[in-house]
Amino acid sequence: MSFLSSFNISASALTAQRMRLDVASENIANIETTRTEGGGPYRRKLVVLEEIGNNTFRQALLAAQNNHETTKGGVRVSQIIEDESEFKRVYNPDHPDADEDGYVSLPNVDLIKETVDSMSATRSYEANITAFNSLKTMAQKALEIK
């Protein structure tokens, strides 16, 4: 793995964590949306991440020793799926979306889960910025060595 590919790994993680934060924000924004274009209440969305490349540490080490380029690493968003858990049902017969029994189906979004997901994505983003800045500093110091 080349030194500069480490920047790509951190950059891919930054992009993935930003997407996690965007999806959590969308979920929070729709926490009370009872009617969507597809019909029914809003469904919570989840981000699915997958690794880029599949080299183990041992394979990467052997490739580096033999001066072979390894497959690039990092992470990417493979898909955004909908949470299939049940909707919350609340009795509110005056609501325009209430069924014949007076119950309204509310989105399956939990504010606490979304807050924790947002905090986790933010911390991961910050950690990757720190790694990226450390790589940048190392590269600058390497260039200063004449």
N, C-alpha and C. Protein backbone atom coordinates (compact mmCIF):
# COMPACT_ATOMS: atom_id res chain seq x y z
N MET A 1 0.85 -1.16 0.00
CA MET A 1 0.00 0.00 0.00
C MET A 1 0.90 1.23 0.00
N SER A 2 0.67 2.12 -0.89
CA SER A 2 1.48 3.32 -0.96
C SER A 2 1.09 4.29 0.15
N PHE A 3 2.03 5.17 0.46
CA PHE A 3 1.81 6.13 1.54
C PHE A 3 0.59 7.01 1.25
N LEU A 4 0.46 7.41 0.00
CA LEU A 4 -0.63 8.33 -0.35
C LEU A 4 -2.00 7.65 -0.33
N SER A 5 -2.04 6.32 -0.42
CA SER A 5 -3.35 5.66 -0.37
C SER A 5 -3.97 5.78 1.02
N SER A 6 -3.15 6.07 2.02
CA SER A 6 -3.68 6.30 3.37
C SER A 6 -4.61 7.51 3.38
N PHE A 7 -4.30 8.50 2.56
CA PHE A 7 -5.19 9.66 2.44
C PHE A 7 -6.54 9.23 1.88
N ASN A 8 -6.53 8.34 0.91
CA ASN A 8 -7.78 7.85 0.31
C ASN A 8 -8.61 7.08 1.33
N ILE A 9 -7.94 6.32 2.19
CA ILE A 9 -8.66 5.56 3.21
C ILE A 9 -9.37 6.51 4.17
N SER A 10 -8.65 7.52 4.65
CA SER A 10 -9.27 8.49 5.55
C SER A 10 -10.38 9.27 4.86
N ALA A 11 -10.16 9.63 3.61
CA ALA A 11 -11.17 10.38 2.86
C ALA A 11 -12.43 9.54 2.66
N SER A 12 -12.28 8.25 2.38
CA SER A 12 -13.46 7.40 2.20
C SER A 12 -14.24 7.29 3.51
N ALA A 13 -13.52 7.23 4.63
CA ALA A 13 -14.19 7.16 5.93
C ALA A 13 -14.92 8.46 6.24
N LEU A 14 -14.31 9.59 5.87
CA LEU A 14 -14.97 10.88 6.08
C LEU A 14 -16.27 10.95 5.30
N THR A 15 -16.25 10.49 4.07
CA THR A 15 -17.45 10.50 3.23
C THR A 15 -18.53 9.59 3.81
N ALA A 16 -18.13 8.41 4.27
CA ALA A 16 -19.09 7.46 4.84
C ALA A 16 -19.72 8.01 6.12
N GLN A 17 -18.92 8.61 6.98
CA GLN A 17 -19.45 9.15 8.23
C GLN A 17 -20.35 10.36 7.99
N ARG A 18 -20.02 11.14 6.98
CA ARG A 18 -20.89 12.27 6.62
C ARG A 18 -22.25 11.76 6.16
N MET A 19 -22.25 10.66 5.40
CA MET A 19 -23.52 10.07 4.94
C MET A 19 -24.32 9.55 6.14
N ARG A 20 -23.65 8.91 7.10
CA ARG A 20 -24.36 8.45 8.31
C ARG A 20 -25.01 9.62 9.03
N LEU A 21 -24.30 10.72 9.13
CA LEU A 21 -24.83 11.90 9.81
C LEU A 21 -26.00 12.49 9.03
N ASP A 22 -25.89 12.53 7.71
CA ASP A 22 -26.99 13.03 6.87
C ASP A 22 -28.26 12.19 7.03
N VAL A 23 -28.10 10.87 7.07
CA VAL A 23 -29.26 9.98 7.20
C VAL A 23 -29.88 10.12 8.59
N ALA A 24 -29.06 10.22 9.62
CA ALA A 24 -29.60 10.42 10.97
C ALA A 24 -30.36 11.74 11.05
N SER A 25 -29.84 12.77 10.40
CA SER A 25 -30.53 14.07 10.37
C SER A 25 -31.86 13.97 9.65
N GLU A 26 -31.88 13.24 8.54
CA GLU A 26 -33.14 13.05 7.81
C GLU A 26 -34.16 12.31 8.67
N ASN A 27 -33.69 11.28 9.39
CA ASN A 27 -34.60 10.54 10.26
C ASN A 27 -35.19 11.44 11.34
N ILE A 28 -34.35 12.27 11.96
CA ILE A 28 -34.83 13.17 13.01
C ILE A 28 -35.81 14.19 12.43
N ALA A 29 -35.51 14.69 11.23
CA ALA A 29 -36.40 15.67 10.60
C ALA A 29 -37.78 15.09 10.30
N ASN A 30 -37.85 13.79 10.10
CA ASN A 30 -39.13 13.15 9.76
C ASN A 30 -39.73 12.35 10.91
N ILE A 31 -39.37 12.70 12.12
CA ILE A 31 -39.78 11.92 13.29
C ILE A 31 -41.30 11.93 13.50
N GLU A 32 -41.99 12.90 12.95
CA GLU A 32 -43.45 12.96 13.10
C GLU A 32 -44.18 12.96 11.76
N THR A 33 -43.52 12.53 10.70
CA THR A 33 -44.14 12.50 9.37
C THR A 33 -45.05 11.28 9.27
N THR A 34 -46.34 11.52 9.19
CA THR A 34 -47.30 10.41 9.16
C THR A 34 -47.78 10.08 7.75
N ARG A 35 -47.39 10.89 6.78
CA ARG A 35 -47.84 10.65 5.41
C ARG A 35 -46.69 10.92 4.45
N THR A 36 -46.36 9.94 3.62
CA THR A 36 -45.29 10.08 2.62
C THR A 36 -45.86 9.85 1.23
N GLU A 37 -45.04 10.12 0.23
CA GLU A 37 -45.48 9.91 -1.16
C GLU A 37 -45.80 8.44 -1.42
N GLY A 38 -45.04 7.55 -0.78
CA GLY A 38 -45.27 6.11 -0.96
C GLY A 38 -46.45 5.59 -0.17
N GLY A 39 -47.02 6.42 0.65
CA GLY A 39 -48.14 6.01 1.50
C GLY A 39 -47.64 5.58 2.87
N GLY A 40 -48.40 5.90 3.87
CA GLY A 40 -48.03 5.52 5.22
C GLY A 40 -46.99 6.45 5.81
N PRO A 41 -46.61 6.19 7.06
CA PRO A 41 -45.64 7.04 7.73
C PRO A 41 -44.22 6.83 7.20
N TYR A 42 -43.36 7.76 7.56
CA TYR A 42 -41.94 7.70 7.19
C TYR A 42 -41.30 6.48 7.85
N ARG A 43 -40.43 5.80 7.11
CA ARG A 43 -39.67 4.67 7.65
C ARG A 43 -38.24 5.12 7.90
N ARG A 44 -37.72 4.76 9.07
CA ARG A 44 -36.34 5.07 9.43
C ARG A 44 -35.38 4.47 8.41
N LYS A 45 -34.37 5.23 8.05
CA LYS A 45 -33.36 4.76 7.10
C LYS A 45 -32.08 4.41 7.85
N LEU A 46 -31.37 3.41 7.35
CA LEU A 46 -30.10 2.95 7.92
C LEU A 46 -29.04 2.92 6.83
N VAL A 47 -27.81 3.25 7.20
CA VAL A 47 -26.69 3.23 6.26
C VAL A 47 -25.94 1.91 6.43
N VAL A 48 -25.67 1.24 5.32
CA VAL A 48 -24.89 0.00 5.35
C VAL A 48 -23.52 0.31 4.74
N LEU A 49 -22.48 0.07 5.54
CA LEU A 49 -21.11 0.33 5.10
C LEU A 49 -20.44 -0.99 4.75
N GLU A 50 -19.52 -0.93 3.80
CA GLU A 50 -18.72 -2.11 3.46
C GLU A 50 -17.29 -1.68 3.19
N GLU A 51 -16.38 -2.61 3.40
CA GLU A 51 -14.98 -2.30 3.17
C GLU A 51 -14.67 -2.27 1.68
N ILE A 52 -13.67 -1.48 1.35
CA ILE A 52 -13.17 -1.45 -0.03
C ILE A 52 -11.90 -2.29 -0.03
N GLY A 53 -11.86 -3.30 -0.85
CA GLY A 53 -10.72 -4.22 -0.83
C GLY A 53 -10.94 -5.23 0.28
N ASN A 54 -10.21 -6.32 0.20
CA ASN A 54 -10.41 -7.35 1.22
C ASN A 54 -9.09 -7.94 1.69
N ASN A 55 -8.04 -7.16 1.68
CA ASN A 55 -6.76 -7.64 2.16
C ASN A 55 -6.72 -7.67 3.67
N THR A 56 -6.18 -8.76 4.20
CA THR A 56 -5.94 -8.81 5.63
C THR A 56 -4.64 -8.06 5.90
N PHE A 57 -4.36 -7.82 7.16
CA PHE A 57 -3.11 -7.14 7.51
C PHE A 57 -1.91 -7.96 7.04
N ARG A 58 -2.00 -9.26 7.19
CA ARG A 58 -0.90 -10.15 6.77
C ARG A 58 -0.66 -10.03 5.26
N GLN A 59 -1.73 -10.03 4.47
CA GLN A 59 -1.59 -9.90 3.02
C GLN A 59 -1.00 -8.56 2.65
N ALA A 60 -1.43 -7.50 3.33
CA ALA A 60 -0.89 -6.17 3.04
C ALA A 60 0.59 -6.10 3.41
N LEU A 61 0.98 -6.71 4.52
CA LEU A 61 2.37 -6.71 4.96
C LEU A 61 3.25 -7.47 3.97
N LEU A 62 2.79 -8.63 3.53
CA LEU A 62 3.55 -9.42 2.56
C LEU A 62 3.69 -8.68 1.23
N ALA A 63 2.62 -8.03 0.81
CA ALA A 63 2.67 -7.28 -0.44
C ALA A 63 3.64 -6.11 -0.33
N ALA A 64 3.63 -5.44 0.83
CA ALA A 64 4.55 -4.32 1.03
C ALA A 64 6.01 -4.80 1.04
N GLN A 65 6.26 -5.95 1.64
CA GLN A 65 7.62 -6.50 1.68
C GLN A 65 8.11 -6.87 0.29
N ASN A 66 7.21 -7.31 -0.56
CA ASN A 66 7.57 -7.71 -1.92
C ASN A 66 7.40 -6.59 -2.93
N ASN A 67 7.14 -5.37 -2.44
CA ASN A 67 6.94 -4.19 -3.29
C ASN A 67 5.81 -4.37 -4.29
N HIS A 68 4.76 -5.05 -3.87
CA HIS A 68 3.56 -5.19 -4.69
C HIS A 68 2.50 -4.22 -4.17
N GLU A 69 1.73 -3.71 -5.06
CA GLU A 69 0.65 -2.81 -4.68
C GLU A 69 -0.53 -3.66 -4.21
N THR A 70 -1.10 -3.33 -3.07
CA THR A 70 -2.28 -4.04 -2.59
C THR A 70 -3.53 -3.36 -3.12
N THR A 71 -4.65 -4.06 -3.00
CA THR A 71 -5.89 -3.41 -3.40
C THR A 71 -6.17 -2.27 -2.44
N LYS A 72 -6.82 -1.24 -2.95
CA LYS A 72 -7.03 -0.07 -2.11
C LYS A 72 -7.98 -0.41 -0.97
N GLY A 73 -7.81 0.29 0.12
CA GLY A 73 -8.62 0.04 1.30
C GLY A 73 -9.55 1.19 1.57
N GLY A 74 -10.31 1.06 2.61
CA GLY A 74 -11.23 2.11 3.00
C GLY A 74 -12.62 1.54 3.23
N VAL A 75 -13.57 2.43 3.18
CA VAL A 75 -14.96 2.06 3.42
C VAL A 75 -15.85 2.85 2.46
N ARG A 76 -17.00 2.29 2.16
CA ARG A 76 -17.97 3.01 1.31
C ARG A 76 -19.38 2.64 1.75
N VAL A 77 -20.30 3.49 1.38
CA VAL A 77 -21.71 3.21 1.65
C VAL A 77 -22.19 2.28 0.56
N SER A 78 -22.58 1.07 0.94
CA SER A 78 -23.04 0.11 -0.07
C SER A 78 -24.52 0.33 -0.39
N GLN A 79 -25.29 0.71 0.63
CA GLN A 79 -26.70 0.98 0.39
C GLN A 79 -27.32 1.69 1.58
N ILE A 80 -28.46 2.27 1.33
CA ILE A 80 -29.26 2.86 2.40
C ILE A 80 -30.57 2.08 2.41
N ILE A 81 -30.83 1.43 3.53
CA ILE A 81 -32.02 0.58 3.62
C ILE A 81 -33.03 1.18 4.57
N GLU A 82 -34.25 0.70 4.48
CA GLU A 82 -35.30 1.14 5.39
C GLU A 82 -35.44 0.14 6.52
N ASP A 83 -35.61 0.65 7.72
CA ASP A 83 -35.83 -0.17 8.91
C ASP A 83 -37.24 -0.75 8.82
N GLU A 84 -37.35 -2.06 8.88
CA GLU A 84 -38.65 -2.71 8.73
C GLU A 84 -39.37 -2.95 10.06
N SER A 85 -38.88 -2.34 11.13
CA SER A 85 -39.56 -2.51 12.41
C SER A 85 -40.94 -1.85 12.36
N GLU A 86 -41.79 -2.24 13.29
CA GLU A 86 -43.17 -1.76 13.28
C GLU A 86 -43.25 -0.28 13.63
N PHE A 87 -44.30 0.34 13.11
CA PHE A 87 -44.57 1.74 13.43
C PHE A 87 -45.15 1.85 14.84
N LYS A 88 -44.97 3.01 15.44
CA LYS A 88 -45.60 3.30 16.73
C LYS A 88 -47.05 3.67 16.46
N ARG A 89 -47.93 3.16 17.30
CA ARG A 89 -49.35 3.50 17.15
C ARG A 89 -49.78 4.30 18.36
N VAL A 90 -50.39 5.45 18.09
CA VAL A 90 -50.83 6.36 19.15
C VAL A 90 -52.31 6.66 18.92
N TYR A 91 -53.06 6.66 20.02
CA TYR A 91 -54.48 6.97 19.92
C TYR A 91 -54.66 8.47 19.81
N ASN A 92 -55.19 8.91 18.67
CA ASN A 92 -55.46 10.33 18.42
C ASN A 92 -56.55 10.41 17.36
N PRO A 93 -57.81 10.25 17.74
CA PRO A 93 -58.90 10.18 16.76
C PRO A 93 -59.11 11.47 15.98
N ASP A 94 -58.57 12.61 16.45
CA ASP A 94 -58.74 13.88 15.75
C ASP A 94 -57.69 14.09 14.66
N HIS A 95 -56.69 13.24 14.60
CA HIS A 95 -55.62 13.39 13.61
C HIS A 95 -56.15 13.01 12.22
N PRO A 96 -55.77 13.76 11.17
CA PRO A 96 -56.27 13.46 9.82
C PRO A 96 -55.84 12.09 9.29
N ASP A 97 -54.76 11.53 9.82
CA ASP A 97 -54.28 10.22 9.35
C ASP A 97 -54.69 9.08 10.28
N ALA A 98 -55.62 9.32 11.18
CA ALA A 98 -56.08 8.27 12.10
C ALA A 98 -56.90 7.23 11.33
N ASP A 99 -56.75 5.97 11.76
CA ASP A 99 -57.54 4.91 11.12
C ASP A 99 -58.94 4.88 11.74
N GLU A 100 -59.75 3.90 11.35
CA GLU A 100 -61.14 3.85 11.81
C GLU A 100 -61.25 3.62 13.32
N ASP A 101 -60.19 3.10 13.95
CA ASP A 101 -60.19 2.90 15.40
C ASP A 101 -59.64 4.11 16.15
N GLY A 102 -59.18 5.15 15.43
CA GLY A 102 -58.66 6.36 16.05
C GLY A 102 -57.16 6.34 16.31
N TYR A 103 -56.46 5.33 15.79
CA TYR A 103 -55.02 5.23 16.00
C TYR A 103 -54.26 5.81 14.80
N VAL A 104 -53.16 6.49 15.13
CA VAL A 104 -52.29 7.06 14.11
C VAL A 104 -50.98 6.29 14.14
N SER A 105 -50.51 5.88 12.97
CA SER A 105 -49.20 5.22 12.89
C SER A 105 -48.12 6.28 12.74
N LEU A 106 -47.19 6.27 13.68
CA LEU A 106 -46.08 7.23 13.67
C LEU A 106 -44.82 6.52 13.17
N PRO A 107 -43.87 7.26 12.63
CA PRO A 107 -42.63 6.67 12.12
C PRO A 107 -41.91 5.84 13.18
N ASN A 108 -41.13 4.87 12.72
CA ASN A 108 -40.36 4.01 13.62
C ASN A 108 -39.01 4.63 13.96
N VAL A 109 -38.98 5.93 14.12
CA VAL A 109 -37.76 6.67 14.43
C VAL A 109 -37.71 6.94 15.93
N ASP A 110 -36.59 6.57 16.54
CA ASP A 110 -36.38 6.81 17.97
C ASP A 110 -35.33 7.90 18.11
N LEU A 111 -35.71 9.00 18.74
CA LEU A 111 -34.81 10.15 18.87
C LEU A 111 -33.50 9.79 19.57
N ILE A 112 -33.57 8.93 20.56
CA ILE A 112 -32.35 8.56 21.30
C ILE A 112 -31.40 7.78 20.40
N LYS A 113 -31.93 6.83 19.62
CA LYS A 113 -31.08 6.07 18.69
C LYS A 113 -30.43 6.99 17.67
N GLU A 114 -31.21 7.92 17.15
CA GLU A 114 -30.67 8.84 16.14
C GLU A 114 -29.62 9.76 16.73
N THR A 115 -29.84 10.19 17.97
CA THR A 115 -28.85 11.04 18.64
C THR A 115 -27.55 10.28 18.85
N VAL A 116 -27.65 9.04 19.29
CA VAL A 116 -26.45 8.21 19.49
C VAL A 116 -25.75 7.95 18.17
N ASP A 117 -26.51 7.66 17.10
CA ASP A 117 -25.91 7.45 15.77
C ASP A 117 -25.20 8.72 15.31
N SER A 118 -25.82 9.88 15.55
CA SER A 118 -25.21 11.14 15.16
C SER A 118 -23.91 11.39 15.92
N MET A 119 -23.93 11.12 17.22
CA MET A 119 -22.72 11.31 18.03
C MET A 119 -21.62 10.36 17.59
N SER A 120 -21.98 9.12 17.29
CA SER A 120 -21.00 8.13 16.84
C SER A 120 -20.39 8.54 15.50
N ALA A 121 -21.22 8.99 14.59
CA ALA A 121 -20.73 9.43 13.28
C ALA A 121 -19.83 10.65 13.42
N THR A 122 -20.20 11.57 14.31
CA THR A 122 -19.40 12.76 14.54
C THR A 122 -18.03 12.41 15.11
N ARG A 123 -18.00 11.51 16.09
CA ARG A 123 -16.73 11.09 16.69
C ARG A 123 -15.86 10.35 15.67
N SER A 124 -16.45 9.52 14.87
CA SER A 124 -15.69 8.81 13.84
C SER A 124 -15.14 9.79 12.81
N TYR A 125 -15.94 10.78 12.46
CA TYR A 125 -15.50 11.81 11.52
C TYR A 125 -14.30 12.56 12.10
N GLU A 126 -14.40 12.95 13.37
CA GLU A 126 -13.30 13.67 14.02
C GLU A 126 -12.04 12.82 14.08
N ALA A 127 -12.19 11.52 14.36
CA ALA A 127 -11.03 10.63 14.42
C ALA A 127 -10.35 10.53 13.06
N ASN A 128 -11.14 10.49 12.01
CA ASN A 128 -10.56 10.41 10.66
C ASN A 128 -9.92 11.72 10.24
N ILE A 129 -10.45 12.83 10.70
CA ILE A 129 -9.79 14.12 10.43
C ILE A 129 -8.43 14.16 11.12
N THR A 130 -8.39 13.65 12.36
CA THR A 130 -7.12 13.60 13.09
C THR A 130 -6.11 12.71 12.36
N ALA A 131 -6.56 11.56 11.89
CA ALA A 131 -5.67 10.66 11.15
C ALA A 131 -5.19 11.33 9.86
N PHE A 132 -6.10 11.98 9.17
CA PHE A 132 -5.75 12.66 7.92
C PHE A 132 -4.72 13.75 8.18
N ASN A 133 -4.93 14.55 9.23
CA ASN A 133 -3.99 15.62 9.56
C ASN A 133 -2.63 15.06 9.98
N SER A 134 -2.62 13.93 10.67
CA SER A 134 -1.35 13.29 11.04
C SER A 134 -0.60 12.83 9.80
N LEU A 135 -1.32 12.25 8.85
CA LEU A 135 -0.69 11.84 7.59
C LEU A 135 -0.13 13.03 6.84
N LYS A 136 -0.89 14.11 6.85
CA LYS A 136 -0.44 15.33 6.17
C LYS A 136 0.84 15.86 6.82
N THR A 137 0.88 15.86 8.13
CA THR A 137 2.07 16.32 8.85
C THR A 137 3.27 15.43 8.53
N MET A 138 3.05 14.11 8.51
CA MET A 138 4.15 13.19 8.18
C MET A 138 4.66 13.43 6.76
N ALA A 139 3.75 13.68 5.85
CA ALA A 139 4.15 13.93 4.46
C ALA A 139 4.95 15.23 4.36
N GLN A 140 4.52 16.26 5.10
CA GLN A 140 5.26 17.53 5.09
C GLN A 140 6.65 17.36 5.69
N LYS A 141 6.75 16.61 6.77
CA LYS A 141 8.05 16.38 7.39
C LYS A 141 8.96 15.56 6.48
N ALA A 142 8.38 14.61 5.76
CA ALA A 142 9.18 13.81 4.83
C ALA A 142 9.73 14.69 3.70
N LEU A 143 8.94 15.67 3.26
CA LEU A 143 9.41 16.58 2.20
C LEU A 143 10.49 17.52 2.71
N GLU A 144 10.47 17.82 4.02
CA GLU A 144 11.49 18.71 4.59
C GLU A 144 12.84 18.02 4.74
N ILE A 145 12.85 16.70 4.77
CA ILE A 145 14.10 15.96 4.85
C ILE A 145 14.73 15.96 3.46
N LYS A 146 15.80 16.66 3.29
CA LYS A 146 16.34 16.81 1.94
C LYS A 146 17.27 15.75 1.57
